[in-house]
Every structure is written in C-alpha cells, then in structure tokens.
Protein backbone atom coordinates (compact mmCIF):
# COMPACT_ATOMS: atom_id res chain seq x y z
CA MET A 1 -12.66 16.93 -22.03
CA ARG A 2 -9.94 14.29 -21.64
CA LYS A 3 -9.79 11.96 -18.70
CA VAL A 4 -6.86 10.52 -16.86
CA ILE A 5 -6.74 6.87 -16.26
CA VAL A 6 -4.21 5.49 -13.77
CA ALA A 7 -3.54 1.85 -14.72
CA ALA A 8 -1.20 -0.13 -12.43
CA PHE A 9 -0.06 -3.58 -11.63
CA GLN A 10 0.33 -3.76 -7.88
CA SER A 11 1.09 -6.24 -5.12
CA MET A 12 -1.30 -6.75 -2.21
CA ASP A 13 0.80 -4.20 -0.19
CA GLY A 14 0.57 -1.62 -3.05
CA VAL A 15 4.01 -1.91 -4.61
CA ILE A 16 4.11 -1.11 -8.32
CA GLN A 17 7.91 -1.10 -8.89
CA ALA A 18 9.50 -3.07 -11.75
CA PRO A 19 6.65 -5.46 -12.61
CA GLY A 20 8.05 -6.41 -15.97
CA GLY A 21 11.66 -7.56 -15.40
CA PRO A 22 14.66 -7.65 -13.10
CA VAL A 23 16.45 -4.78 -14.80
CA GLU A 24 13.42 -2.60 -15.33
CA ASP A 25 13.90 -0.48 -12.13
CA PRO A 26 16.29 -1.94 -9.56
CA THR A 27 16.57 1.41 -7.69
CA LYS A 28 16.65 1.49 -3.91
CA GLY A 29 17.78 -2.14 -3.87
CA PHE A 30 14.54 -3.52 -5.25
CA SER A 31 15.29 -7.17 -6.01
CA HIS A 32 11.96 -8.62 -7.17
CA GLY A 33 11.71 -7.18 -10.67
CA GLY A 34 9.40 -9.20 -12.95
CA TRP A 35 6.97 -10.25 -10.31
CA VAL A 36 3.90 -10.14 -12.61
CA VAL A 37 5.29 -12.45 -15.29
CA PRO A 38 4.58 -15.83 -13.63
CA LEU A 39 0.95 -14.84 -12.92
CA MET A 40 -0.12 -13.50 -16.40
CA ASP A 41 -3.06 -15.28 -18.09
CA GLU A 42 -5.61 -14.67 -20.82
CA VAL A 43 -7.93 -12.73 -18.50
CA LEU A 44 -5.24 -10.19 -17.73
CA GLY A 45 -4.31 -10.07 -21.33
CA ALA A 46 -7.87 -9.33 -22.37
CA GLU A 47 -8.07 -6.46 -19.73
CA ILE A 48 -4.85 -4.93 -20.97
CA GLY A 49 -6.13 -5.24 -24.51
CA ASP A 50 -9.28 -3.42 -23.51
CA LEU A 51 -7.27 -0.63 -21.85
CA PHE A 52 -5.13 -0.02 -24.91
CA GLY A 53 -7.99 -0.83 -27.41
CA GLN A 54 -9.53 2.59 -26.83
CA PRO A 55 -8.01 5.84 -28.13
CA PHE A 56 -5.30 6.91 -25.67
CA ASP A 57 -2.15 8.89 -25.12
CA LEU A 58 0.54 7.92 -22.65
CA LEU A 59 1.23 10.05 -19.49
CA LEU A 60 4.43 9.00 -17.87
CA GLY A 61 6.93 10.20 -15.33
CA ARG A 62 10.51 10.60 -16.57
CA LYS A 63 11.90 7.30 -15.12
CA THR A 64 9.05 5.23 -16.59
CA TYR A 65 9.32 7.12 -19.86
CA GLU A 66 12.98 6.21 -20.06
CA ILE A 67 12.19 2.56 -19.34
CA PHE A 68 9.55 2.57 -22.17
CA ALA A 69 11.78 4.52 -24.56
CA ALA A 70 14.58 1.99 -24.18
CA HIS A 71 12.23 -0.95 -24.93
CA TRP A 72 9.06 -0.34 -26.90
CA PRO A 73 10.45 1.34 -29.94
CA TYR A 74 12.60 -1.73 -30.47
CA ALA A 75 9.89 -4.40 -29.78
CA ALA A 76 8.33 -4.16 -33.27
CA ASN A 77 9.93 -7.46 -34.17
CA ALA A 78 9.43 -9.19 -30.95
CA GLU A 79 8.55 -12.91 -30.94
CA ASP A 80 5.37 -12.28 -28.95
CA ALA A 81 2.54 -10.94 -31.09
CA GLY A 82 1.10 -9.07 -28.10
CA ASP A 83 4.38 -7.22 -27.60
CA ARG A 84 4.45 -6.33 -31.34
CA GLU A 85 1.00 -4.91 -31.08
CA ILE A 86 1.76 -2.81 -27.95
CA SER A 87 4.94 -1.63 -29.59
CA ASP A 88 3.04 -0.44 -32.63
CA GLN A 89 0.41 1.37 -30.45
CA PHE A 90 2.90 2.97 -28.17
CA ASN A 91 5.01 4.21 -31.15
CA LYS A 92 2.01 5.86 -32.70
CA VAL A 93 0.51 7.69 -29.77
CA THR A 94 1.64 10.91 -28.02
CA LYS A 95 3.90 10.34 -25.06
CA TYR A 96 3.62 13.08 -22.42
CA VAL A 97 6.63 12.88 -20.04
CA ALA A 98 6.42 14.78 -16.79
CA THR A 99 9.82 15.85 -15.42
CA ARG A 100 11.18 18.61 -13.15
CA CYS A 101 14.85 18.07 -13.76
CA GLY A 102 17.43 18.31 -16.61
CA GLU A 103 17.15 17.31 -20.25
CA VAL A 104 15.09 14.32 -21.47
CA ASP A 105 15.84 12.48 -24.57
CA THR A 106 12.64 12.88 -26.60
CA SER A 107 13.87 11.25 -29.80
CA TRP A 108 11.03 8.66 -29.37
CA GLN A 109 8.50 9.85 -31.98
CA GLY A 110 5.56 11.80 -30.49
CA SER A 111 7.12 12.64 -27.15
CA VAL A 112 6.20 15.92 -25.34
CA VAL A 113 7.74 17.26 -22.11
CA LEU A 114 5.62 18.58 -19.30
CA ARG A 115 7.77 20.64 -16.81
CA ASP A 116 4.86 21.28 -14.44
CA ALA A 117 2.83 18.04 -14.28
CA ALA A 118 -0.19 19.34 -12.32
CA LYS A 119 -0.65 22.46 -14.53
CA GLY A 120 0.21 20.60 -17.70
CA VAL A 121 -2.23 17.71 -17.06
CA ALA A 122 -4.98 20.12 -15.88
CA LYS A 123 -4.60 21.92 -19.19
CA LEU A 124 -4.62 18.70 -21.20
CA LYS A 125 -7.87 17.56 -19.48
CA GLN A 126 -9.63 20.70 -20.76
CA GLU A 127 -8.86 19.74 -24.35
CA ASP A 128 -10.57 17.36 -26.73
CA GLY A 129 -8.68 14.13 -27.25
CA PRO A 130 -8.10 10.55 -26.13
CA ALA A 131 -7.74 9.42 -22.54
CA LEU A 132 -4.39 10.00 -20.86
CA VAL A 133 -3.20 6.62 -19.48
CA THR A 134 -0.39 6.25 -16.96
CA GLN A 135 1.88 3.23 -16.51
CA GLY A 136 4.25 2.99 -13.62
CA SER A 137 5.21 6.61 -12.81
CA SER A 138 4.72 6.42 -9.04
CA ASP A 139 5.94 9.97 -8.35
CA LEU A 140 3.66 11.43 -11.14
CA ILE A 141 0.66 9.53 -9.76
CA GLN A 142 1.13 11.09 -6.30
CA THR A 143 0.99 14.53 -8.02
CA LEU A 144 -2.06 13.65 -9.99
CA LEU A 145 -3.87 12.32 -6.86
CA ALA A 146 -2.82 15.29 -4.75
CA HIS A 147 -4.37 17.69 -7.25
CA ASP A 148 -7.56 15.55 -7.88
CA LEU A 149 -6.74 15.02 -11.52
CA VAL A 150 -7.49 11.28 -11.72
CA ASP A 151 -10.78 10.31 -13.26
CA GLU A 152 -10.36 6.46 -13.19
CA ILE A 153 -8.04 3.89 -11.54
CA ARG A 154 -7.60 0.45 -13.05
CA THR A 155 -5.73 -1.92 -10.72
CA PHE A 156 -4.36 -5.39 -11.36
CA THR A 157 -3.73 -6.65 -7.79
CA PHE A 158 -1.43 -9.66 -7.68
CA PRO A 159 -1.64 -12.17 -4.82
CA ILE A 160 1.84 -11.38 -3.44
CA THR A 161 3.42 -9.06 -0.95
CA LEU A 162 6.75 -7.38 -1.80
CA GLY A 163 7.39 -5.46 1.45
CA ARG A 164 9.46 -2.59 -0.02
CA GLY A 165 9.35 -0.66 -3.26
CA LYS A 166 7.53 2.24 -4.89
CA ARG A 167 3.83 2.24 -4.10
CA LEU A 168 0.79 3.23 -6.04
CA ILE A 169 -0.69 5.59 -3.48
CA GLY A 170 1.29 7.53 -0.89
CA GLU A 171 0.57 9.94 1.95
CA SER A 172 0.44 12.99 -0.37
CA ALA A 173 -2.84 11.80 -2.01
CA ALA A 174 -5.87 13.98 -1.42
CA ALA A 175 -8.79 12.45 0.37
CA LEU A 176 -10.98 11.22 -2.59
CA THR A 177 -13.75 8.72 -3.05
CA PHE A 178 -13.97 6.31 -5.93
CA LYS A 179 -16.74 3.93 -7.12
CA LEU A 180 -16.09 0.31 -8.13
CA THR A 181 -17.46 -0.11 -11.68
CA ARG A 182 -16.00 -3.41 -12.65
CA HIS A 183 -14.14 -6.30 -11.09
CA GLU A 184 -13.02 -9.82 -12.08
CA ALA A 185 -10.53 -12.44 -10.86
CA SER A 186 -7.95 -14.08 -13.18
CA SER A 187 -7.12 -17.80 -13.13
CA THR A 188 -3.99 -17.03 -11.18
CA GLY A 189 -5.73 -15.05 -8.43
CA VAL A 190 -5.18 -11.52 -9.78
CA ILE A 191 -7.97 -9.10 -9.01
CA LEU A 192 -8.86 -6.72 -11.76
CA ALA A 193 -10.77 -3.68 -10.69
CA ARG A 194 -11.93 -0.33 -12.21
CA TYR A 195 -12.75 2.62 -10.07
CA GLU A 196 -14.23 6.00 -11.22
CA ARG A 197 -13.95 9.29 -9.37
CA ALA A 198 -17.08 9.65 -7.22
CA GLY A 199 -16.84 12.77 -5.00
CA PRO A 200 -15.61 13.92 -1.64
CA VAL A 201 -14.99 11.55 1.25
CA GLU A 202 -17.87 11.25 3.70
CA THR A 203 -17.45 10.23 7.31
CA GLY A 204 -19.65 8.91 10.05
CA SER A 205 -19.31 7.72 13.64
CA TYR A 206 -20.06 4.65 15.84
CA GLU A 207 -19.63 6.67 19.03
CA LEU A 208 -22.14 6.23 21.82
CA VAL A 209 -24.77 8.94 22.24
CA GLU A 210 -23.19 9.58 25.65
CA SER A 211 -19.49 8.96 25.78
CA THR A 212 -18.11 6.89 28.62
CA PRO A 213 -15.43 8.15 31.03
CA ALA A 214 -12.95 6.05 29.12
CA GLU A 215 -13.94 7.59 25.87
CA TYR A 216 -13.49 11.04 27.32
CA ALA A 217 -10.04 10.02 28.63
CA ARG A 218 -8.74 8.24 25.53
CA PRO A 219 -8.43 11.30 23.17
CA GLU A 220 -6.66 13.24 25.82
CA ARG A 221 -4.19 10.46 26.37
CA MET A 222 -3.59 10.28 22.59
CA LYS A 223 -2.86 14.00 22.50
CA ARG A 224 -0.33 13.58 25.26
CA GLU A 225 1.33 10.64 23.64
CA GLY A 226 1.38 12.38 20.23
C-alpha cells in the first residue's frame, strides 16, 4: 500500500500559491510570489530534507508539473547545493501528473499522465511502492481530499497573510479528521506540523438540556434569513 502525503507551504490564511518566486504562478493577478524565501532557515531545510529523504514519487497537478518541469531538470548545476540535491532527486523519481485537458509535454524523464486523478491515485495507493508526495497542485489536492485519498498532511505555515490566492483546502474537501503527530517552530516563526488521517468527524453539543425560548426562535430565524 502506498500513502499520499500532501506537503504544502501555506500562509496563515491558507494560501499556497507561488511560494518560490514572482514568476512561478502569477495567475489571477497574484503579486506576492516568493513569499517563503525571506523566512527560510535550517529548521525548514531539515524538515524538507526529511520529506524528500524517504523513498517517494511526485504527484502533481498539471500547472505545478509544468512549473517543476521548466525548472528542476535544469537545476543540476545550480549554485545552491540543496537545489542540486533536490534536482537530482526529482529527476530520478516518477512524476505522476494529473490533468483533464489537452496534451502535456512529458519529456521530463519518468513522467506519467493520470487523466482521472481520483481513480488513478486510488489505484496507485493499492500498489507497493514509495509514498506519493504532492507539491503545490491546489486543484489536485481538492480532488484528493474530496475522495478521502490523503493519508498525511505536512504543513509549513508562514506567519503572514496574503488575502488572495490559491488555497490549500477548499469547500469541496470531505469532512475528515486528522491527528497531529509532530510540530515544531522555526527561528523565523514558521510552524511545521504533520497530521495523519484519523477517522470520521465527530460532533458534540453545548446546548442546554432544556432550550430557552430564544434558542427555539434562533434556528427558525436563520431558516428564514437563509
């Protein structure tokens, strides 16, 4: 059995768009590309190293795949040793790219197209093999969460708000419960957290044993107001 790990840099208001640079993903007028760069430190680097230090394959949406394919195959000679290492890893692993539209340039070695993300990932999860790790891919993440295909979420929550942009979790996500398994703060205030799938959502109530007249009236008013 393979597991799906959603790994995401996010702002405090849940935006995951274009963390690495201004030209990474400027769609919909997003003007804050590169927002993670000033807040990176050794703690974040170690956590990223741990994520990609295990056996893994990449699971990407088309747009993120195209961003990666235009960068990482060419970063083998980058000045930064960390970038060179990631480039080497990404070039070696299988890249599964989920897309519903048109042709995709899969000339990047080891690229495989999934035309139906939910069915394709469900099938991959039944196989033996390394973890399937997402990066970016906001639309794909919504599909994975809607179909309860996510086993673990690793978030890097930066102490900023961005207001607009593509978000980690949208309204299409199924109601799911996750268990916090690890957390740490970086020197720059970034919260690193790992969550594992834990089961269905449970609910409770703080209602009084006997509702007051106001409590009886309130739901009726809400129905009228829509």
